[in-house]
N, C-alpha and C. Protein backbone atom coordinates (compact mmCIF):
# COMPACT_ATOMS: atom_id res chain seq x y z
N UNK A 1 16.08 15.88 -6.33
CA UNK A 1 16.59 17.34 -6.37
C UNK A 1 18.00 17.37 -5.72
N UNK A 2 18.76 17.88 -6.48
CA UNK A 2 20.05 18.17 -5.97
C UNK A 2 20.34 19.37 -5.20
N UNK A 3 21.48 19.58 -4.65
CA UNK A 3 21.77 20.78 -3.81
C UNK A 3 21.53 22.04 -4.50
N UNK A 4 22.05 22.28 -5.96
CA UNK A 4 22.05 23.45 -6.41
C UNK A 4 20.37 23.55 -6.92
N UNK A 5 19.68 22.94 -7.09
CA UNK A 5 18.07 23.34 -7.35
C UNK A 5 17.45 23.41 -5.85
N UNK A 6 18.00 22.87 -4.64
CA UNK A 6 17.35 23.05 -3.52
C UNK A 6 17.70 24.68 -3.13
N UNK A 7 18.94 24.90 -3.55
CA UNK A 7 19.32 26.40 -3.03
C UNK A 7 18.66 27.51 -3.90
N UNK A 8 18.23 26.91 -5.02
CA UNK A 8 17.36 27.78 -5.60
C UNK A 8 15.89 28.26 -5.31
N UNK A 9 15.31 26.98 -4.65
CA UNK A 9 14.00 27.03 -4.33
C UNK A 9 13.93 26.86 -2.68
N UNK A 10 14.78 26.97 -1.88
CA UNK A 10 14.71 26.38 -0.68
C UNK A 10 13.87 27.38 0.08
N UNK A 11 13.31 28.40 -0.20
CA UNK A 11 12.51 29.36 0.42
C UNK A 11 10.97 29.29 0.03
N UNK A 12 10.71 28.13 -0.94
CA UNK A 12 9.43 28.10 -1.50
C UNK A 12 8.54 26.91 -0.37
N UNK A 13 7.55 27.30 -0.01
CA UNK A 13 6.83 26.49 0.93
C UNK A 13 5.46 26.06 0.47
N UNK A 14 4.78 24.89 0.66
CA UNK A 14 3.46 24.57 0.41
C UNK A 14 2.49 25.40 0.96
N UNK A 15 1.40 25.65 0.31
CA UNK A 15 0.32 26.25 0.95
C UNK A 15 -0.35 25.07 1.77
N UNK A 16 -1.64 25.29 2.48
CA UNK A 16 -2.06 24.45 3.52
C UNK A 16 -2.56 23.15 2.58
N UNK A 17 -3.26 23.54 1.55
CA UNK A 17 -3.88 22.62 0.83
C UNK A 17 -2.75 21.75 0.07
N UNK A 18 -1.86 22.33 -0.46
CA UNK A 18 -0.68 21.56 -0.95
C UNK A 18 -0.04 20.77 -0.04
N UNK A 19 0.20 21.11 1.27
CA UNK A 19 0.68 20.28 2.41
C UNK A 19 -0.10 19.07 2.55
N UNK A 20 -1.32 19.34 2.82
CA UNK A 20 -2.44 18.17 3.00
C UNK A 20 -2.44 17.24 1.90
N UNK A 21 -2.45 17.78 0.63
CA UNK A 21 -2.21 16.85 -0.57
C UNK A 21 -0.93 15.89 -0.54
N UNK A 22 0.18 16.52 -0.39
CA UNK A 22 1.46 15.58 -0.27
C UNK A 22 1.63 14.89 0.99
N UNK A 23 0.79 15.29 2.16
CA UNK A 23 0.69 14.35 3.03
C UNK A 23 -0.25 13.14 2.93
N UNK A 24 -1.38 13.45 2.17
CA UNK A 24 -2.20 12.22 1.71
C UNK A 24 -1.31 11.50 0.90
N UNK A 25 -0.50 11.69 -0.13
CA UNK A 25 0.13 10.99 -1.14
C UNK A 25 1.23 10.15 -0.49
N UNK A 26 1.94 10.84 0.57
CA UNK A 26 2.91 10.09 1.33
C UNK A 26 2.43 9.20 2.26
N UNK A 27 1.12 9.51 2.84
CA UNK A 27 0.61 8.57 3.91
C UNK A 27 -0.08 7.20 3.24
N UNK A 28 -0.18 7.51 1.92
CA UNK A 28 -0.90 6.07 1.15
C UNK A 28 0.23 5.09 0.95
N UNK A 29 1.36 5.47 1.00
CA UNK A 29 2.59 4.59 0.90
C UNK A 29 3.36 4.43 2.19
N UNK A 30 3.23 3.10 2.97
CA UNK A 30 3.90 2.94 4.10
C UNK A 30 5.49 3.16 3.86
N UNK A 31 6.12 2.63 2.93
CA UNK A 31 7.54 2.79 2.82
C UNK A 31 7.99 4.20 2.82
N UNK A 32 7.19 4.91 1.89
CA UNK A 32 7.44 6.35 1.53
C UNK A 32 7.20 7.12 3.00
N UNK A 33 6.23 6.90 3.57
CA UNK A 33 5.95 7.60 4.93
C UNK A 33 7.18 7.41 5.82
N UNK A 34 7.45 6.18 5.97
CA UNK A 34 8.46 5.71 6.98
C UNK A 34 10.09 6.26 6.67
N UNK A 35 10.18 6.25 5.22
CA UNK A 35 11.55 6.80 4.84
C UNK A 35 11.57 8.44 5.05
N UNK A 36 10.55 9.18 4.75
CA UNK A 36 10.43 10.31 4.90
C UNK A 36 10.60 10.85 6.55
N UNK A 37 9.88 10.17 7.27
CA UNK A 37 10.06 10.29 8.79
C UNK A 37 11.33 10.08 9.29
N UNK A 38 12.08 9.17 8.60
CA UNK A 38 13.39 8.89 9.14
C UNK A 38 14.32 10.02 8.82
N UNK A 39 14.44 10.41 7.67
CA UNK A 39 15.01 11.49 7.03
C UNK A 39 14.76 12.88 7.81
N UNK A 40 13.58 12.99 8.18
CA UNK A 40 13.23 14.29 8.94
C UNK A 40 13.66 14.18 10.42
N UNK A 41 13.49 13.08 10.90
CA UNK A 41 13.89 12.60 12.26
C UNK A 41 15.30 12.69 12.50
N UNK A 42 16.19 12.30 11.49
CA UNK A 42 17.60 12.28 11.56
C UNK A 42 18.09 13.70 11.42
N UNK A 43 17.45 14.59 10.49
CA UNK A 43 17.88 15.71 10.44
C UNK A 43 17.57 16.76 11.60
N UNK A 44 16.50 16.52 12.20
CA UNK A 44 16.26 17.32 13.46
C UNK A 44 17.10 16.93 14.64
N UNK A 45 17.31 15.64 14.74
CA UNK A 45 18.39 15.36 15.97
C UNK A 45 19.88 15.91 15.56
N UNK A 46 20.25 15.90 14.33
CA UNK A 46 21.57 16.35 13.97
C UNK A 46 21.63 17.64 13.28
N UNK A 47 20.83 18.57 13.54
CA UNK A 47 20.78 19.75 12.97
C UNK A 47 21.88 20.58 13.13
N UNK A 48 22.77 20.43 14.26
CA UNK A 48 23.68 21.28 14.61
C UNK A 48 24.83 21.12 13.73
N UNK A 49 25.07 19.92 13.30
CA UNK A 49 26.23 19.35 12.58
C UNK A 49 25.85 19.30 10.98
N UNK A 50 26.25 19.83 9.88
CA UNK A 50 25.82 19.89 8.65
C UNK A 50 26.19 18.53 8.16
N UNK A 51 27.24 18.02 8.43
CA UNK A 51 27.48 16.56 7.66
C UNK A 51 26.70 15.45 8.13
N UNK A 52 26.65 15.49 9.50
CA UNK A 52 25.97 14.38 10.17
C UNK A 52 24.41 14.60 9.95
N UNK A 53 23.92 15.64 9.52
CA UNK A 53 22.47 16.23 9.52
C UNK A 53 21.86 15.31 8.22
N UNK A 54 22.69 14.89 7.40
CA UNK A 54 22.11 14.26 6.04
C UNK A 54 22.21 12.73 6.55
N UNK A 55 21.54 11.83 5.93
CA UNK A 55 21.48 10.36 6.15
C UNK A 55 21.69 9.67 4.80
N UNK A 56 22.40 8.44 4.91
CA UNK A 56 22.56 7.86 3.63
C UNK A 56 21.46 6.68 3.43
N UNK A 57 21.39 6.24 2.46
CA UNK A 57 20.45 5.00 2.06
C UNK A 57 20.74 3.89 2.93
N UNK A 58 22.14 3.69 3.15
CA UNK A 58 22.41 2.59 4.00
C UNK A 58 22.03 2.68 5.45
N UNK A 59 22.13 4.07 5.92
CA UNK A 59 21.54 4.24 7.27
C UNK A 59 19.95 4.08 7.28
N UNK A 60 19.18 4.22 6.11
CA UNK A 60 17.85 4.34 5.99
C UNK A 60 17.37 2.64 6.09
N UNK A 61 18.31 1.86 5.28
CA UNK A 61 17.97 0.41 5.33
C UNK A 61 18.11 -0.17 6.62
N UNK A 62 19.08 0.38 7.63
CA UNK A 62 19.39 -0.12 8.93
C UNK A 62 18.28 0.28 9.76
N UNK A 63 17.41 1.25 9.65
CA UNK A 63 16.34 1.72 10.60
C UNK A 63 14.97 1.32 10.42
N UNK A 64 14.68 0.93 8.97
CA UNK A 64 13.13 0.85 8.60
C UNK A 64 12.98 -0.65 8.59
N UNK A 65 11.93 -1.05 9.25
CA UNK A 65 11.44 -2.58 9.18
C UNK A 65 10.07 -2.39 8.74
N UNK A 66 9.63 -3.37 7.80
CA UNK A 66 8.30 -3.37 7.37
C UNK A 66 8.03 -4.72 6.63
N UNK A 67 6.91 -5.00 6.46
CA UNK A 67 6.50 -6.10 5.86
C UNK A 67 6.83 -6.37 4.43
N UNK A 68 7.60 -7.36 3.93
CA UNK A 68 7.83 -7.43 2.50
C UNK A 68 7.93 -8.99 2.25
N UNK A 69 7.81 -9.17 0.84
CA UNK A 69 7.78 -10.60 0.45
C UNK A 69 9.54 -10.92 0.22
N UNK A 70 9.58 -12.15 0.77
CA UNK A 70 11.03 -12.78 0.70
C UNK A 70 10.70 -14.04 -0.01
N UNK A 71 11.75 -14.42 -0.84
CA UNK A 71 11.84 -15.63 -1.47
C UNK A 71 12.09 -16.80 -0.64
N UNK A 72 11.22 -17.83 -0.63
CA UNK A 72 11.47 -19.01 0.16
C UNK A 72 11.59 -20.17 -0.93
N UNK A 73 12.80 -20.71 -1.05
CA UNK A 73 12.98 -21.73 -2.10
C UNK A 73 13.04 -21.26 -3.33
N UNK A 74 12.77 -22.18 -4.25
CA UNK A 74 12.83 -21.94 -5.76
C UNK A 74 11.50 -21.15 -6.20
N UNK A 75 10.52 -21.43 -5.62
CA UNK A 75 9.09 -21.07 -6.38
C UNK A 75 8.34 -20.07 -5.40
N UNK A 76 8.28 -20.20 -4.33
CA UNK A 76 7.31 -19.47 -3.40
C UNK A 76 7.89 -18.09 -2.65
N UNK A 77 6.99 -17.18 -2.51
CA UNK A 77 7.56 -16.11 -1.78
C UNK A 77 6.68 -16.04 -0.33
N UNK A 78 7.11 -15.46 0.78
CA UNK A 78 6.33 -15.55 1.92
C UNK A 78 6.54 -13.99 2.45
N UNK A 79 5.54 -13.51 3.04
CA UNK A 79 5.58 -12.11 3.63
C UNK A 79 6.28 -12.23 5.18
N UNK A 80 7.32 -11.45 5.28
CA UNK A 80 7.93 -11.44 6.53
C UNK A 80 8.35 -9.90 6.97
N UNK A 81 8.47 -9.82 8.29
CA UNK A 81 8.70 -8.45 8.81
C UNK A 81 10.32 -8.39 8.89
N UNK A 82 10.70 -7.46 7.92
CA UNK A 82 12.34 -7.45 7.92
C UNK A 82 12.60 -5.96 7.33
N UNK A 83 13.82 -5.73 7.57
CA UNK A 83 14.39 -4.58 7.13
C UNK A 83 14.32 -4.12 5.70
N UNK A 84 13.97 -3.12 5.40
CA UNK A 84 13.71 -2.53 3.95
C UNK A 84 14.86 -3.00 2.98
N UNK A 85 14.71 -3.57 1.83
CA UNK A 85 15.78 -3.75 0.87
C UNK A 85 16.37 -2.38 0.42
N UNK A 86 17.77 -2.56 0.05
CA UNK A 86 18.47 -1.28 -0.32
C UNK A 86 17.86 -0.75 -1.63
N UNK A 87 17.40 -1.54 -2.72
CA UNK A 87 16.94 -1.29 -3.96
C UNK A 87 15.65 -0.45 -3.85
N UNK A 88 14.78 -1.04 -2.93
CA UNK A 88 13.47 -0.37 -2.43
C UNK A 88 13.76 1.05 -1.86
N UNK A 89 14.81 1.23 -0.89
CA UNK A 89 15.05 2.36 -0.20
C UNK A 89 15.31 3.42 -1.33
N UNK A 90 16.18 3.07 -2.33
CA UNK A 90 16.77 3.83 -3.21
C UNK A 90 15.59 4.44 -3.89
N UNK A 91 14.71 3.41 -4.57
CA UNK A 91 13.50 3.97 -5.11
C UNK A 91 12.71 4.91 -4.61
N UNK A 92 12.54 4.64 -3.12
CA UNK A 92 11.72 5.62 -2.39
C UNK A 92 12.21 6.88 -2.21
N UNK A 93 13.69 6.93 -1.98
CA UNK A 93 14.35 8.10 -1.86
C UNK A 93 14.26 8.94 -3.15
N UNK A 94 14.48 8.26 -4.26
CA UNK A 94 14.17 8.86 -5.67
C UNK A 94 12.70 9.64 -5.66
N UNK A 95 11.81 8.90 -5.29
CA UNK A 95 10.42 9.41 -5.37
C UNK A 95 10.27 10.55 -4.40
N UNK A 96 10.89 10.54 -3.27
CA UNK A 96 11.01 11.71 -2.33
C UNK A 96 11.77 13.03 -2.86
N UNK A 97 12.83 12.70 -3.77
CA UNK A 97 13.54 13.70 -4.39
C UNK A 97 12.71 14.39 -5.54
N UNK A 98 12.13 13.59 -6.27
CA UNK A 98 11.29 13.96 -7.44
C UNK A 98 10.01 14.81 -6.80
N UNK A 99 9.54 14.44 -5.53
CA UNK A 99 8.53 15.23 -5.07
C UNK A 99 9.02 16.46 -4.38
N UNK A 100 10.27 16.92 -4.26
CA UNK A 100 11.06 18.05 -3.75
C UNK A 100 10.85 18.07 -2.05
N UNK A 101 10.65 16.75 -1.48
CA UNK A 101 10.27 16.80 -0.22
C UNK A 101 11.82 16.34 0.52
N UNK A 102 12.83 16.21 -0.56
CA UNK A 102 14.12 16.06 0.25
C UNK A 102 15.25 16.44 -0.93
N UNK A 103 16.54 16.56 -0.59
CA UNK A 103 17.45 16.85 -1.74
C UNK A 103 18.85 15.96 -1.12
N UNK A 104 19.65 15.85 -2.42
CA UNK A 104 20.78 15.07 -1.97
C UNK A 104 22.05 15.92 -2.32
N UNK A 105 23.04 15.63 -1.34
CA UNK A 105 24.35 16.40 -1.51
C UNK A 105 25.41 15.35 -1.84
N UNK A 106 26.40 15.37 -2.69
CA UNK A 106 27.45 14.41 -2.96
C UNK A 106 28.24 14.34 -1.55
N UNK A 107 28.64 13.07 -1.18
CA UNK A 107 29.33 12.99 0.16
C UNK A 107 30.72 12.48 -0.21
N UNK A 108 30.88 11.11 -0.26
CA UNK A 108 32.08 10.43 -1.01
C UNK A 108 31.57 9.95 -2.20
N UNK A 109 32.45 9.22 -3.13
CA UNK A 109 32.11 8.78 -4.37
C UNK A 109 30.94 8.13 -4.41
N UNK A 110 30.72 7.11 -3.79
CA UNK A 110 29.42 6.41 -4.05
C UNK A 110 28.13 6.75 -3.04
N UNK A 111 28.48 7.57 -1.93
CA UNK A 111 27.48 7.86 -1.13
C UNK A 111 26.99 9.31 -1.37
N UNK A 112 25.61 9.38 -1.14
CA UNK A 112 25.06 10.80 -1.07
C UNK A 112 24.31 11.07 0.28
N UNK A 113 24.51 12.29 0.81
CA UNK A 113 23.54 12.49 1.87
C UNK A 113 22.42 13.11 1.63
N UNK A 114 21.26 12.70 2.15
CA UNK A 114 19.86 13.11 2.16
C UNK A 114 19.48 14.04 3.07
N UNK A 115 19.04 15.08 2.68
CA UNK A 115 18.29 16.05 3.73
C UNK A 115 17.04 16.36 3.32
N UNK A 116 16.12 16.76 4.21
CA UNK A 116 14.72 17.03 4.06
C UNK A 116 14.77 18.58 3.65
N UNK A 117 13.94 18.79 2.66
CA UNK A 117 13.79 20.23 2.50
C UNK A 117 12.79 20.90 3.49
N UNK A 118 12.40 21.99 3.22
CA UNK A 118 11.51 22.92 4.22
C UNK A 118 10.07 22.33 3.80
N UNK A 119 9.60 21.99 2.64
CA UNK A 119 8.40 21.20 2.17
C UNK A 119 8.46 19.93 2.84
N UNK A 120 9.43 19.16 2.75
CA UNK A 120 9.51 17.80 3.56
C UNK A 120 9.48 17.71 4.93
N UNK A 121 9.86 18.62 5.64
CA UNK A 121 9.52 18.88 7.15
C UNK A 121 8.21 19.35 7.41
N UNK A 122 7.62 20.03 6.55
CA UNK A 122 6.22 20.68 6.80
C UNK A 122 5.21 19.35 6.50
N UNK A 123 5.55 18.58 5.57
CA UNK A 123 4.83 17.33 5.31
C UNK A 123 5.01 16.32 6.56
N UNK A 124 6.23 16.09 7.03
CA UNK A 124 6.49 15.20 8.15
C UNK A 124 5.84 15.76 9.30
N UNK A 125 5.73 17.06 9.62
CA UNK A 125 5.19 17.66 10.83
C UNK A 125 3.62 17.37 10.59
N UNK A 126 3.10 17.44 9.47
CA UNK A 126 1.60 17.09 9.32
C UNK A 126 1.31 15.81 9.57
N UNK A 127 1.92 14.67 9.09
CA UNK A 127 2.04 13.30 9.18
C UNK A 127 2.15 13.00 10.85
N UNK A 128 2.90 13.79 11.47
CA UNK A 128 3.16 13.58 12.97
C UNK A 128 1.86 13.90 13.68
N UNK A 129 1.28 15.25 13.29
CA UNK A 129 0.00 15.81 13.78
C UNK A 129 -1.09 14.81 13.47
N UNK A 130 -1.12 14.11 12.46
CA UNK A 130 -2.16 13.26 12.11
C UNK A 130 -2.02 11.97 12.96
N UNK A 131 -0.94 11.62 13.06
CA UNK A 131 -0.58 10.33 13.90
C UNK A 131 -1.00 10.46 15.36
N UNK A 132 -0.61 11.58 15.94
CA UNK A 132 -1.03 12.02 17.30
C UNK A 132 -2.44 12.23 17.33
N UNK A 133 -3.17 12.88 16.49
CA UNK A 133 -4.43 13.07 16.45
C UNK A 133 -5.36 11.70 16.62
N UNK A 134 -5.05 10.78 15.60
CA UNK A 134 -5.62 9.43 15.56
C UNK A 134 -5.40 8.67 17.03
N UNK A 135 -4.03 8.61 17.51
CA UNK A 135 -3.69 8.06 18.59
C UNK A 135 -4.58 8.65 19.95
N UNK A 136 -4.79 9.78 20.06
CA UNK A 136 -5.68 10.44 21.09
C UNK A 136 -7.02 10.09 20.94
N UNK A 137 -7.45 9.94 19.68
CA UNK A 137 -8.84 9.42 19.47
C UNK A 137 -9.29 8.00 20.07
N UNK A 138 -8.08 7.22 20.19
CA UNK A 138 -8.47 5.74 20.52
C UNK A 138 -8.77 5.51 21.90
């Protein structure tokens, strides 16, 4: 979703059922969940400054660590804990854009700033609530 479409629909929020459904969808994919949480966290910590409130894909790749397959030699792959690949991060961001959980604003030619929508923030709050609820239960 780009900035123009976001401005048109920025006041639309999810119902409780829709919010739970989107939270379940995001929670089922660890990369999707971590990218959304990084975008929302960055936006909340930098909400005073509009330019720095957005985050780039490069910034996302520098913050997210997950288990992924890495090529070893010519034939095999091994699973290692490493930073998210840029292409993978771009695909995850595109998925979040299509789900209307975030939107992008052109910044400089190759870069775009990514911001969470109201719906993205509500989903991230629900995911945080679920995490805290399961952490308490332990």
